[in-house]
C-alpha atoms as a PDB file:
ATOM      1  CA  UNK A   1      37.975 -13.561  -6.734  1.00  0.00           C
ATOM      2  CA  UNK A   2      35.734 -12.592  -9.318  1.00  0.00           C
ATOM      3  CA  UNK A   3      31.882 -12.342  -7.796  1.00  0.00           C
ATOM      4  CA  UNK A   4      29.738 -14.460 -10.400  1.00  0.00           C
ATOM      5  CA  UNK A   5      26.690 -12.267 -11.981  1.00  0.00           C
ATOM      6  CA  UNK A   6      23.420 -14.368 -12.581  1.00  0.00           C
ATOM      7  CA  UNK A   7      20.779 -13.653 -15.202  1.00  0.00           C
ATOM      8  CA  UNK A   8      18.082 -14.617 -14.488  1.00  0.00           C
ATOM      9  CA  UNK A   9      14.742 -13.568 -16.685  1.00  0.00           C
ATOM     10  CA  UNK A  10      12.544 -15.680 -14.928  1.00  0.00           C
ATOM     11  CA  UNK A  11      12.058 -18.074 -18.084  1.00  0.00           C
ATOM     12  CA  UNK A  12      12.865 -22.128 -17.462  1.00  0.00           C
ATOM     13  CA  UNK A  13      13.199 -24.935 -19.989  1.00  0.00           C
ATOM     14  CA  UNK A  14      12.878 -27.725 -19.148  1.00  0.00           C
ATOM     15  CA  UNK A  15      12.473 -31.302 -21.350  1.00  0.00           C
ATOM     16  CA  UNK A  16      10.889 -33.348 -18.076  1.00  0.00           C
ATOM     17  CA  UNK A  17       7.054 -33.898 -18.515  1.00  0.00           C
ATOM     18  CA  UNK A  18       6.478 -33.649 -14.875  1.00  0.00           C
ATOM     19  CA  UNK A  19       7.855 -30.655 -14.188  1.00  0.00           C
ATOM     20  CA  UNK A  20       5.277 -28.239 -13.568  1.00  0.00           C
ATOM     21  CA  UNK A  21       6.274 -23.890 -13.784  1.00  0.00           C
ATOM     22  CA  UNK A  22       4.132 -22.342 -10.757  1.00  0.00           C
ATOM     23  CA  UNK A  23       3.557 -18.302 -11.399  1.00  0.00           C
ATOM     24  CA  UNK A  24       3.676 -16.100  -8.645  1.00  0.00           C
ATOM     25  CA  UNK A  25       0.672 -14.465  -8.607  1.00  0.00           C
ATOM     26  CA  UNK A  26      -0.446 -12.652  -5.993  1.00  0.00           C
ATOM     27  CA  UNK A  27      -3.465 -14.179  -4.113  1.00  0.00           C
ATOM     28  CA  UNK A  28      -6.504 -11.033  -3.505  1.00  0.00           C
ATOM     29  CA  UNK A  29      -7.271 -11.728   0.466  1.00  0.00           C
ATOM     30  CA  UNK A  30     -10.481 -10.952   2.008  1.00  0.00           C
ATOM     31  CA  UNK A  31     -10.365  -7.069   3.354  1.00  0.00           C
ATOM     32  CA  UNK A  32     -11.206  -7.230   7.008  1.00  0.00           C
ATOM     33  CA  UNK A  33     -13.484  -5.174   8.159  1.00  0.00           C
ATOM     34  CA  UNK A  34     -12.558  -1.247   9.167  1.00  0.00           C
ATOM     35  CA  UNK A  35     -12.839  -1.854  13.286  1.00  0.00           C
ATOM     36  CA  UNK A  36      -9.994  -5.213  12.885  1.00  0.00           C
ATOM     37  CA  UNK A  37      -7.802  -2.878  10.217  1.00  0.00           C
ATOM     38  CA  UNK A  38      -4.676  -1.693  11.650  1.00  0.00           C
ATOM     39  CA  UNK A  39      -3.304   1.547   9.706  1.00  0.00           C
ATOM     40  CA  UNK A  40      -0.196   3.611  10.846  1.00  0.00           C
ATOM     41  CA  UNK A  41      -0.463   7.087   9.223  1.00  0.00           C
ATOM     42  CA  UNK A  42       2.069   9.317   9.292  1.00  0.00           C
ATOM     43  CA  UNK A  43       3.950  12.619   7.643  1.00  0.00           C
ATOM     44  CA  UNK A  44       7.000  11.385   4.911  1.00  0.00           C
ATOM     45  CA  UNK A  45       9.313  13.717   2.490  1.00  0.00           C
ATOM     46  CA  UNK A  46      11.617  11.135   1.380  1.00  0.00           C
ATOM     47  CA  UNK A  47      12.540  11.413  -2.510  1.00  0.00           C
ATOM     48  CA  UNK A  48       9.726  13.894  -2.657  1.00  0.00           C
ATOM     49  CA  UNK A  49      11.849  17.282  -3.352  1.00  0.00           C
ATOM     50  CA  UNK A  50      11.346  18.635   0.192  1.00  0.00           C
ATOM     51  CA  UNK A  51       7.727  18.209  -0.375  1.00  0.00           C
ATOM     52  CA  UNK A  52       5.572  16.799   2.369  1.00  0.00           C
ATOM     53  CA  UNK A  53       2.889  14.092   1.811  1.00  0.00           C
ATOM     54  CA  UNK A  54       0.662  11.772   4.241  1.00  0.00           C
ATOM     55  CA  UNK A  55       0.977   8.424   4.501  1.00  0.00           C
ATOM     56  CA  UNK A  56      -1.340   5.527   5.236  1.00  0.00           C
ATOM     57  CA  UNK A  57       0.249   2.159   5.065  1.00  0.00           C
ATOM     58  CA  UNK A  58      -0.694  -1.473   7.454  1.00  0.00           C
ATOM     59  CA  UNK A  59      -4.057  -1.602   5.291  1.00  0.00           C
ATOM     60  CA  UNK A  60      -4.866  -5.717   4.700  1.00  0.00           C
ATOM     61  CA  UNK A  61      -6.645  -6.045   2.089  1.00  0.00           C
ATOM     62  CA  UNK A  62      -7.520  -6.176  -1.667  1.00  0.00           C
ATOM     63  CA  UNK A  63      -6.053  -3.117  -4.235  1.00  0.00           C
ATOM     64  CA  UNK A  64      -9.975  -2.027  -4.928  1.00  0.00           C
ATOM     65  CA  UNK A  65     -10.806  -1.671  -1.742  1.00  0.00           C
ATOM     66  CA  UNK A  66      -7.019   0.340  -0.618  1.00  0.00           C
ATOM     67  CA  UNK A  67      -7.860   2.772  -3.819  1.00  0.00           C
ATOM     68  CA  UNK A  68     -11.777   3.006  -2.928  1.00  0.00           C
ATOM     69  CA  UNK A  69     -10.261   4.051   0.493  1.00  0.00           C
ATOM     70  CA  UNK A  70      -7.899   6.542  -1.224  1.00  0.00           C
ATOM     71  CA  UNK A  71     -10.276   8.021  -3.146  1.00  0.00           C
ATOM     72  CA  UNK A  72     -12.278   9.217  -0.210  1.00  0.00           C
ATOM     73  CA  UNK A  73      -9.327  10.436   1.820  1.00  0.00           C
ATOM     74  CA  UNK A  74      -8.353  12.449  -1.107  1.00  0.00           C
ATOM     75  CA  UNK A  75     -12.084  13.616  -1.143  1.00  0.00           C
ATOM     76  CA  UNK A  76     -12.625  14.553   2.516  1.00  0.00           C
ATOM     77  CA  UNK A  77      -9.159  16.621   2.339  1.00  0.00           C
ATOM     78  CA  UNK A  78      -8.936  18.323  -1.243  1.00  0.00           C
ATOM     79  CA  UNK A  79      -5.916  17.594  -2.055  1.00  0.00           C
ATOM     80  CA  UNK A  80      -4.197  15.225  -4.752  1.00  0.00           C
ATOM     81  CA  UNK A  81      -2.556  11.600  -3.875  1.00  0.00           C
ATOM     82  CA  UNK A  82      -2.204   8.341  -5.280  1.00  0.00           C
ATOM     83  CA  UNK A  83      -2.591   4.471  -4.137  1.00  0.00           C
ATOM     84  CA  UNK A  84       1.161   2.538  -4.698  1.00  0.00           C
ATOM     85  CA  UNK A  85       2.593   0.024  -2.834  1.00  0.00           C
ATOM     86  CA  UNK A  86       0.062  -0.984  -0.574  1.00  0.00           C
ATOM     87  CA  UNK A  87      -0.010   2.837   0.680  1.00  0.00           C
ATOM     88  CA  UNK A  88      -2.208   5.873   0.378  1.00  0.00           C
ATOM     89  CA  UNK A  89      -0.445   9.205  -0.294  1.00  0.00           C
ATOM     90  CA  UNK A  90      -1.804  12.198   0.067  1.00  0.00           C
ATOM     91  CA  UNK A  91      -0.230  15.574  -0.579  1.00  0.00           C
ATOM     92  CA  UNK A  92       0.548  17.879   2.303  1.00  0.00           C
ATOM     93  CA  UNK A  93       0.331  17.421   5.855  1.00  0.00           C
ATOM     94  CA  UNK A  94      -2.892  15.916   6.862  1.00  0.00           C
ATOM     95  CA  UNK A  95      -2.451  13.768   9.488  1.00  0.00           C
ATOM     96  CA  UNK A  96      -5.299  15.190  12.239  1.00  0.00           C
ATOM     97  CA  UNK A  97      -7.697  15.021   9.199  1.00  0.00           C
ATOM     98  CA  UNK A  98      -7.096  12.057   8.328  1.00  0.00           C
ATOM     99  CA  UNK A  99      -7.129   9.980  11.790  1.00  0.00           C
ATOM    100  CA  UNK A 100     -10.336  12.164  12.440  1.00  0.00           C
ATOM    101  CA  UNK A 101     -12.104  10.820   9.167  1.00  0.00           C
ATOM    102  CA  UNK A 102     -10.905   7.056   9.454  1.00  0.00           C
ATOM    103  CA  UNK A 103     -12.000   7.478  13.254  1.00  0.00           C
ATOM    104  CA  UNK A 104     -15.249   8.267  12.322  1.00  0.00           C
ATOM    105  CA  UNK A 105     -15.844   5.547   9.370  1.00  0.00           C
ATOM    106  CA  UNK A 106     -14.790   2.869  11.922  1.00  0.00           C
ATOM    107  CA  UNK A 107     -11.164   2.251  11.590  1.00  0.00           C
ATOM    108  CA  UNK A 108     -10.842   2.802  15.482  1.00  0.00           C
ATOM    109  CA  UNK A 109      -7.095   0.924  15.434  1.00  0.00           C
ATOM    110  CA  UNK A 110      -5.105   4.224  13.619  1.00  0.00           C
ATOM    111  CA  UNK A 111      -1.498   4.859  15.201  1.00  0.00           C
ATOM    112  CA  UNK A 112      -0.403   8.413  13.985  1.00  0.00           C
ATOM    113  CA  UNK A 113       3.820   8.919  13.919  1.00  0.00           C
END
């Protein structure tokens, strides 16, 4: 039996006026205070051509605050990086520096993997 391929472009048509189409938008959540955040710091090299990056994830809050934290960490480490998929990527093995900076700035719940 052949598998059916379903193509969904996300567009729904209806002639019923009672049908309400909801658009799935991610709501901006409140950013927890630093002492309540559980951040995980780990080293990763997958899909990066063998280059090491330090990942910081587990941040719960809005994207603007995550980008601000990422910018502060990049500045402190003196390296490049980015914020993607609710993760902060810092170039190189900076686990010690990042853990130290987070603890000094109120992020006491950190795990270093």
